[in-house]
Amino acid sequence: MKIRKKPEGVGYEIKNAADSSSNIMIQIEINKGKDVMQTKKWQAEFDAGTATALRLLEPWFGSN
């Protein structure tokens, strides 16, 4: 269905990881569109949400 007066998208979609005790954002990823996101790491193996979480938390893998 086409909506004639629907506004054009002008914002960004941002995914982030934050520390819950300090409320500080520690990692951020800006969504760059479907085609670009399909080429990102872990996108082929997992769904989009899981792949994003893995990319955001990768710096802490193995840190206990």
PDB file of N, CA and C in Angstrom:
ATOM      1  N   MET A   1       0.837  -1.182   0.000  1.00  0.00           N
ATOM      2  CA  MET A   1       0.000   0.000   0.000  1.00  0.00           C
ATOM      3  C   MET A   1       0.877   1.238   0.000  1.00  0.00           C
ATOM      4  N   LYS A   2       0.606   2.155  -0.862  1.00  0.00           N
ATOM      5  CA  LYS A   2       1.375   3.395  -0.969  1.00  0.00           C
ATOM      6  C   LYS A   2       0.667   4.496  -0.196  1.00  0.00           C
ATOM      7  N   ILE A   3       1.380   5.149   0.679  1.00  0.00           N
ATOM      8  CA  ILE A   3       0.829   6.264   1.441  1.00  0.00           C
ATOM      9  C   ILE A   3       1.421   7.547   0.861  1.00  0.00           C
ATOM     10  N   ARG A   4       0.607   8.379   0.295  1.00  0.00           N
ATOM     11  CA  ARG A   4       1.087   9.576  -0.407  1.00  0.00           C
ATOM     12  C   ARG A   4       1.818  10.562   0.489  1.00  0.00           C
ATOM     13  N   LYS A   5       1.339  10.790   1.678  1.00  0.00           N
ATOM     14  CA  LYS A   5       1.933  11.817   2.532  1.00  0.00           C
ATOM     15  C   LYS A   5       2.930  11.251   3.545  1.00  0.00           C
ATOM     16  N   LYS A   6       3.329  10.000   3.359  1.00  0.00           N
ATOM     17  CA  LYS A   6       4.287   9.400   4.276  1.00  0.00           C
ATOM     18  C   LYS A   6       5.633  10.117   4.120  1.00  0.00           C
ATOM     19  N   PRO A   7       6.221  10.582   5.233  1.00  0.00           N
ATOM     20  CA  PRO A   7       7.498  11.305   5.137  1.00  0.00           C
ATOM     21  C   PRO A   7       8.650  10.373   4.760  1.00  0.00           C
ATOM     22  N   GLU A   8       9.661  10.929   4.125  1.00  0.00           N
ATOM     23  CA  GLU A   8      10.869  10.188   3.784  1.00  0.00           C
ATOM     24  C   GLU A   8      11.691   9.970   5.053  1.00  0.00           C
ATOM     25  N   GLY A   9      12.366   8.839   5.134  1.00  0.00           N
ATOM     26  CA  GLY A   9      13.231   8.581   6.278  1.00  0.00           C
ATOM     27  C   GLY A   9      14.450   9.483   6.246  1.00  0.00           C
ATOM     28  N   VAL A  10      14.761  10.128   7.342  1.00  0.00           N
ATOM     29  CA  VAL A  10      15.911  11.031   7.402  1.00  0.00           C
ATOM     30  C   VAL A  10      16.833  10.718   8.565  1.00  0.00           C
ATOM     31  N   GLY A  11      16.506   9.707   9.358  1.00  0.00           N
ATOM     32  CA  GLY A  11      17.296   9.403  10.546  1.00  0.00           C
ATOM     33  C   GLY A  11      18.228   8.233  10.333  1.00  0.00           C
ATOM     34  N   TYR A  12      18.793   7.779  11.422  1.00  0.00           N
ATOM     35  CA  TYR A  12      19.695   6.645  11.440  1.00  0.00           C
ATOM     36  C   TYR A  12      19.128   5.572  12.346  1.00  0.00           C
ATOM     37  N   GLU A  13      19.497   4.341  12.068  1.00  0.00           N
ATOM     38  CA  GLU A  13      19.201   3.261  12.995  1.00  0.00           C
ATOM     39  C   GLU A  13      20.511   2.899  13.670  1.00  0.00           C
ATOM     40  N   ILE A  14      20.546   3.020  14.990  1.00  0.00           N
ATOM     41  CA  ILE A  14      21.763   2.797  15.748  1.00  0.00           C
ATOM     42  C   ILE A  14      21.552   1.618  16.691  1.00  0.00           C
ATOM     43  N   LYS A  15      22.520   0.724  16.710  1.00  0.00           N
ATOM     44  CA  LYS A  15      22.542  -0.388  17.662  1.00  0.00           C
ATOM     45  C   LYS A  15      23.724  -0.121  18.589  1.00  0.00           C
ATOM     46  N   ASN A  16      23.535  -0.384  19.881  1.00  0.00           N
ATOM     47  CA  ASN A  16      24.640  -0.141  20.797  1.00  0.00           C
ATOM     48  C   ASN A  16      24.670  -1.163  21.922  1.00  0.00           C
ATOM     49  N   ALA A  17      25.816  -1.235  22.568  1.00  0.00           N
ATOM     50  CA  ALA A  17      25.993  -2.030  23.779  1.00  0.00           C
ATOM     51  C   ALA A  17      26.341  -1.048  24.881  1.00  0.00           C
ATOM     52  N   ALA A  18      25.724  -1.238  26.049  1.00  0.00           N
ATOM     53  CA  ALA A  18      25.963  -0.316  27.161  1.00  0.00           C
ATOM     54  C   ALA A  18      26.187  -1.079  28.447  1.00  0.00           C
ATOM     55  N   ASP A  19      26.952  -0.473  29.336  1.00  0.00           N
ATOM     56  CA  ASP A  19      27.185  -1.030  30.663  1.00  0.00           C
ATOM     57  C   ASP A  19      26.016  -0.626  31.553  1.00  0.00           C
ATOM     58  N   SER A  20      25.328  -1.606  32.112  1.00  0.00           N
ATOM     59  CA  SER A  20      24.121  -1.316  32.891  1.00  0.00           C
ATOM     60  C   SER A  20      24.407  -0.691  34.250  1.00  0.00           C
ATOM     61  N   SER A  21      25.588  -0.890  34.800  1.00  0.00           N
ATOM     62  CA  SER A  21      25.871  -0.311  36.116  1.00  0.00           C
ATOM     63  C   SER A  21      26.298   1.156  36.029  1.00  0.00           C
ATOM     64  N   SER A  22      26.996   1.529  34.958  1.00  0.00           N
ATOM     65  CA  SER A  22      27.441   2.924  34.823  1.00  0.00           C
ATOM     66  C   SER A  22      26.607   3.721  33.826  1.00  0.00           C
ATOM     67  N   ASN A  23      25.730   3.036  33.082  1.00  0.00           N
ATOM     68  CA  ASN A  23      24.908   3.676  32.044  1.00  0.00           C
ATOM     69  C   ASN A  23      25.746   4.339  30.945  1.00  0.00           C
ATOM     70  N   ILE A  24      26.891   3.760  30.651  1.00  0.00           N
ATOM     71  CA  ILE A  24      27.770   4.293  29.613  1.00  0.00           C
ATOM     72  C   ILE A  24      27.690   3.391  28.385  1.00  0.00           C
ATOM     73  N   MET A  25      27.504   4.021  27.214  1.00  0.00           N
ATOM     74  CA  MET A  25      27.501   3.287  25.963  1.00  0.00           C
ATOM     75  C   MET A  25      28.945   2.908  25.632  1.00  0.00           C
ATOM     76  N   ILE A  26      29.200   1.619  25.423  1.00  0.00           N
ATOM     77  CA  ILE A  26      30.569   1.157  25.238  1.00  0.00           C
ATOM     78  C   ILE A  26      30.885   0.735  23.795  1.00  0.00           C
ATOM     79  N   GLN A  27      29.878   0.563  22.984  1.00  0.00           N
ATOM     80  CA  GLN A  27      30.078   0.160  21.588  1.00  0.00           C
ATOM     81  C   GLN A  27      28.866   0.612  20.783  1.00  0.00           C
ATOM     82  N   ILE A  28      29.074   1.001  19.526  1.00  0.00           N
ATOM     83  CA  ILE A  28      27.977   1.491  18.691  1.00  0.00           C
ATOM     84  C   ILE A  28      28.153   0.986  17.258  1.00  0.00           C
ATOM     85  N   GLU A  29      27.032   0.714  16.603  1.00  0.00           N
ATOM     86  CA  GLU A  29      27.043   0.334  15.190  1.00  0.00           C
ATOM     87  C   GLU A  29      25.894   1.061  14.501  1.00  0.00           C
ATOM     88  N   ILE A  30      26.190   1.728  13.414  1.00  0.00           N
ATOM     89  CA  ILE A  30      25.169   2.436  12.645  1.00  0.00           C
ATOM     90  C   ILE A  30      24.746   1.551  11.486  1.00  0.00           C
ATOM     91  N   ASN A  31      23.442   1.317  11.361  1.00  0.00           N
ATOM     92  CA  ASN A  31      22.902   0.506  10.276  1.00  0.00           C
ATOM     93  C   ASN A  31      23.048   1.272   8.967  1.00  0.00           C
ATOM     94  N   LYS A  32      23.640   0.626   7.964  1.00  0.00           N
ATOM     95  CA  LYS A  32      23.921   1.288   6.696  1.00  0.00           C
ATOM     96  C   LYS A  32      23.071   0.769   5.550  1.00  0.00           C
ATOM     97  N   GLY A  33      21.959   0.144   5.843  1.00  0.00           N
ATOM     98  CA  GLY A  33      21.089  -0.371   4.795  1.00  0.00           C
ATOM     99  C   GLY A  33      21.226  -1.868   4.627  1.00  0.00           C
ATOM    100  N   LYS A  34      20.192  -2.464   4.085  1.00  0.00           N
ATOM    101  CA  LYS A  34      20.102  -3.914   3.987  1.00  0.00           C
ATOM    102  C   LYS A  34      21.260  -4.535   3.205  1.00  0.00           C
ATOM    103  N   ASP A  35      21.603  -3.968   2.053  1.00  0.00           N
ATOM    104  CA  ASP A  35      22.641  -4.558   1.208  1.00  0.00           C
ATOM    105  C   ASP A  35      24.012  -4.541   1.886  1.00  0.00           C
ATOM    106  N   VAL A  36      24.357  -3.432   2.517  1.00  0.00           N
ATOM    107  CA  VAL A  36      25.647  -3.323   3.194  1.00  0.00           C
ATOM    108  C   VAL A  36      25.680  -4.228   4.417  1.00  0.00           C
ATOM    109  N   MET A  37      24.591  -4.274   5.163  1.00  0.00           N
ATOM    110  CA  MET A  37      24.561  -5.081   6.387  1.00  0.00           C
ATOM    111  C   MET A  37      24.686  -6.574   6.080  1.00  0.00           C
ATOM    112  N   GLN A  38      24.238  -7.020   4.916  1.00  0.00           N
ATOM    113  CA  GLN A  38      24.344  -8.438   4.539  1.00  0.00           C
ATOM    114  C   GLN A  38      25.788  -8.878   4.373  1.00  0.00           C
ATOM    115  N   THR A  39      26.713  -7.947   4.164  1.00  0.00           N
ATOM    116  CA  THR A  39      28.123  -8.286   3.974  1.00  0.00           C
ATOM    117  C   THR A  39      28.916  -8.270   5.276  1.00  0.00           C
ATOM    118  N   LYS A  40      28.286  -7.889   6.372  1.00  0.00           N
ATOM    119  CA  LYS A  40      28.981  -7.783   7.655  1.00  0.00           C
ATOM    120  C   LYS A  40      29.270  -9.162   8.248  1.00  0.00           C
ATOM    121  N   LYS A  41      30.229  -9.179   9.175  1.00  0.00           N
ATOM    122  CA  LYS A  41      30.660 -10.405   9.848  1.00  0.00           C
ATOM    123  C   LYS A  41      29.497 -11.066  10.581  1.00  0.00           C
ATOM    124  N   TRP A  42      29.405 -12.384  10.515  1.00  0.00           N
ATOM    125  CA  TRP A  42      28.415 -13.243  11.169  1.00  0.00           C
ATOM    126  C   TRP A  42      27.006 -13.108  10.605  1.00  0.00           C
ATOM    127  N   GLN A  43      26.795 -12.297   9.596  1.00  0.00           N
ATOM    128  CA  GLN A  43      25.457 -12.100   9.049  1.00  0.00           C
ATOM    129  C   GLN A  43      24.949 -13.354   8.335  1.00  0.00           C
ATOM    130  N   ALA A  44      25.842 -14.094   7.695  1.00  0.00           N
ATOM    131  CA  ALA A  44      25.431 -15.292   6.957  1.00  0.00           C
ATOM    132  C   ALA A  44      25.102 -16.458   7.900  1.00  0.00           C
ATOM    133  N   GLU A  45      25.793 -16.530   9.041  1.00  0.00           N
ATOM    134  CA  GLU A  45      25.602 -17.651   9.960  1.00  0.00           C
ATOM    135  C   GLU A  45      24.416 -17.478  10.907  1.00  0.00           C
ATOM    136  N   PHE A  46      24.108 -16.233  11.283  1.00  0.00           N
ATOM    137  CA  PHE A  46      23.075 -15.962  12.279  1.00  0.00           C
ATOM    138  C   PHE A  46      22.056 -14.965  11.749  1.00  0.00           C
ATOM    139  N   ASP A  47      20.960 -14.802  12.476  1.00  0.00           N
ATOM    140  CA  ASP A  47      20.000 -13.774  12.077  1.00  0.00           C
ATOM    141  C   ASP A  47      20.587 -12.394  12.403  1.00  0.00           C
ATOM    142  N   ALA A  48      19.930 -11.345  11.939  1.00  0.00           N
ATOM    143  CA  ALA A  48      20.473  -9.990  12.038  1.00  0.00           C
ATOM    144  C   ALA A  48      20.719  -9.552  13.479  1.00  0.00           C
ATOM    145  N   GLY A  49      19.791  -9.838  14.384  1.00  0.00           N
ATOM    146  CA  GLY A  49      19.944  -9.412  15.774  1.00  0.00           C
ATOM    147  C   GLY A  49      21.118 -10.076  16.467  1.00  0.00           C
ATOM    148  N   THR A  50      21.275 -11.377  16.261  1.00  0.00           N
ATOM    149  CA  THR A  50      22.382 -12.112  16.872  1.00  0.00           C
ATOM    150  C   THR A  50      23.714 -11.654  16.299  1.00  0.00           C
ATOM    151  N   ALA A  51      23.769 -11.474  14.988  1.00  0.00           N
ATOM    152  CA  ALA A  51      25.005 -11.025  14.346  1.00  0.00           C
ATOM    153  C   ALA A  51      25.413  -9.644  14.856  1.00  0.00           C
ATOM    154  N   THR A  52      24.454  -8.754  15.032  1.00  0.00           N
ATOM    155  CA  THR A  52      24.752  -7.415  15.550  1.00  0.00           C
ATOM    156  C   THR A  52      25.291  -7.504  16.970  1.00  0.00           C
ATOM    157  N   ALA A  53      24.652  -8.302  17.812  1.00  0.00           N
ATOM    158  CA  ALA A  53      25.113  -8.464  19.195  1.00  0.00           C
ATOM    159  C   ALA A  53      26.535  -9.020  19.236  1.00  0.00           C
ATOM    160  N   LEU A  54      26.841  -9.993  18.405  1.00  0.00           N
ATOM    161  CA  LEU A  54      28.186 -10.561  18.366  1.00  0.00           C
ATOM    162  C   LEU A  54      29.219  -9.516  17.951  1.00  0.00           C
ATOM    163  N   ARG A  55      28.904  -8.722  16.931  1.00  0.00           N
ATOM    164  CA  ARG A  55      29.836  -7.680  16.489  1.00  0.00           C
ATOM    165  C   ARG A  55      30.057  -6.628  17.590  1.00  0.00           C
ATOM    166  N   LEU A  56      29.000  -6.251  18.288  1.00  0.00           N
ATOM    167  CA  LEU A  56      29.122  -5.230  19.329  1.00  0.00           C
ATOM    168  C   LEU A  56      29.933  -5.726  20.529  1.00  0.00           C
ATOM    169  N   LEU A  57      29.820  -7.001  20.854  1.00  0.00           N
ATOM    170  CA  LEU A  57      30.473  -7.536  22.049  1.00  0.00           C
ATOM    171  C   LEU A  57      31.810  -8.218  21.772  1.00  0.00           C
ATOM    172  N   GLU A  58      32.211  -8.281  20.520  1.00  0.00           N
ATOM    173  CA  GLU A  58      33.444  -8.972  20.140  1.00  0.00           C
ATOM    174  C   GLU A  58      34.694  -8.496  20.902  1.00  0.00           C
ATOM    175  N   PRO A  59      34.858  -7.210  21.189  1.00  0.00           N
ATOM    176  CA  PRO A  59      36.068  -6.802  21.928  1.00  0.00           C
ATOM    177  C   PRO A  59      36.215  -7.458  23.307  1.00  0.00           C
ATOM    178  N   TRP A  60      35.144  -7.992  23.864  1.00  0.00           N
ATOM    179  CA  TRP A  60      35.184  -8.591  25.187  1.00  0.00           C
ATOM    180  C   TRP A  60      35.155 -10.117  25.154  1.00  0.00           C
ATOM    181  N   PHE A  61      35.208 -10.732  23.978  1.00  0.00           N
ATOM    182  CA  PHE A  61      35.261 -12.191  23.902  1.00  0.00           C
ATOM    183  C   PHE A  61      36.487 -12.691  24.652  1.00  0.00           C
ATOM    184  N   GLY A  62      36.291 -13.678  25.508  1.00  0.00           N
ATOM    185  CA  GLY A  62      37.401 -14.285  26.234  1.00  0.00           C
ATOM    186  C   GLY A  62      37.927 -13.475  27.406  1.00  0.00           C
ATOM    187  N   SER A  63      37.248 -12.393  27.763  1.00  0.00           N
ATOM    188  CA  SER A  63      37.748 -11.528  28.845  1.00  0.00           C
ATOM    189  C   SER A  63      37.240 -11.956  30.227  1.00  0.00           C
ATOM    190  N   ASN A  64      36.332 -12.936  30.253  1.00  0.00           N
ATOM    191  CA  ASN A  64      35.719 -13.401  31.503  1.00  0.00           C
ATOM    192  C   ASN A  64      34.980 -12.289  32.180  1.00  0.00           C
TER     193      ASN A  64
END
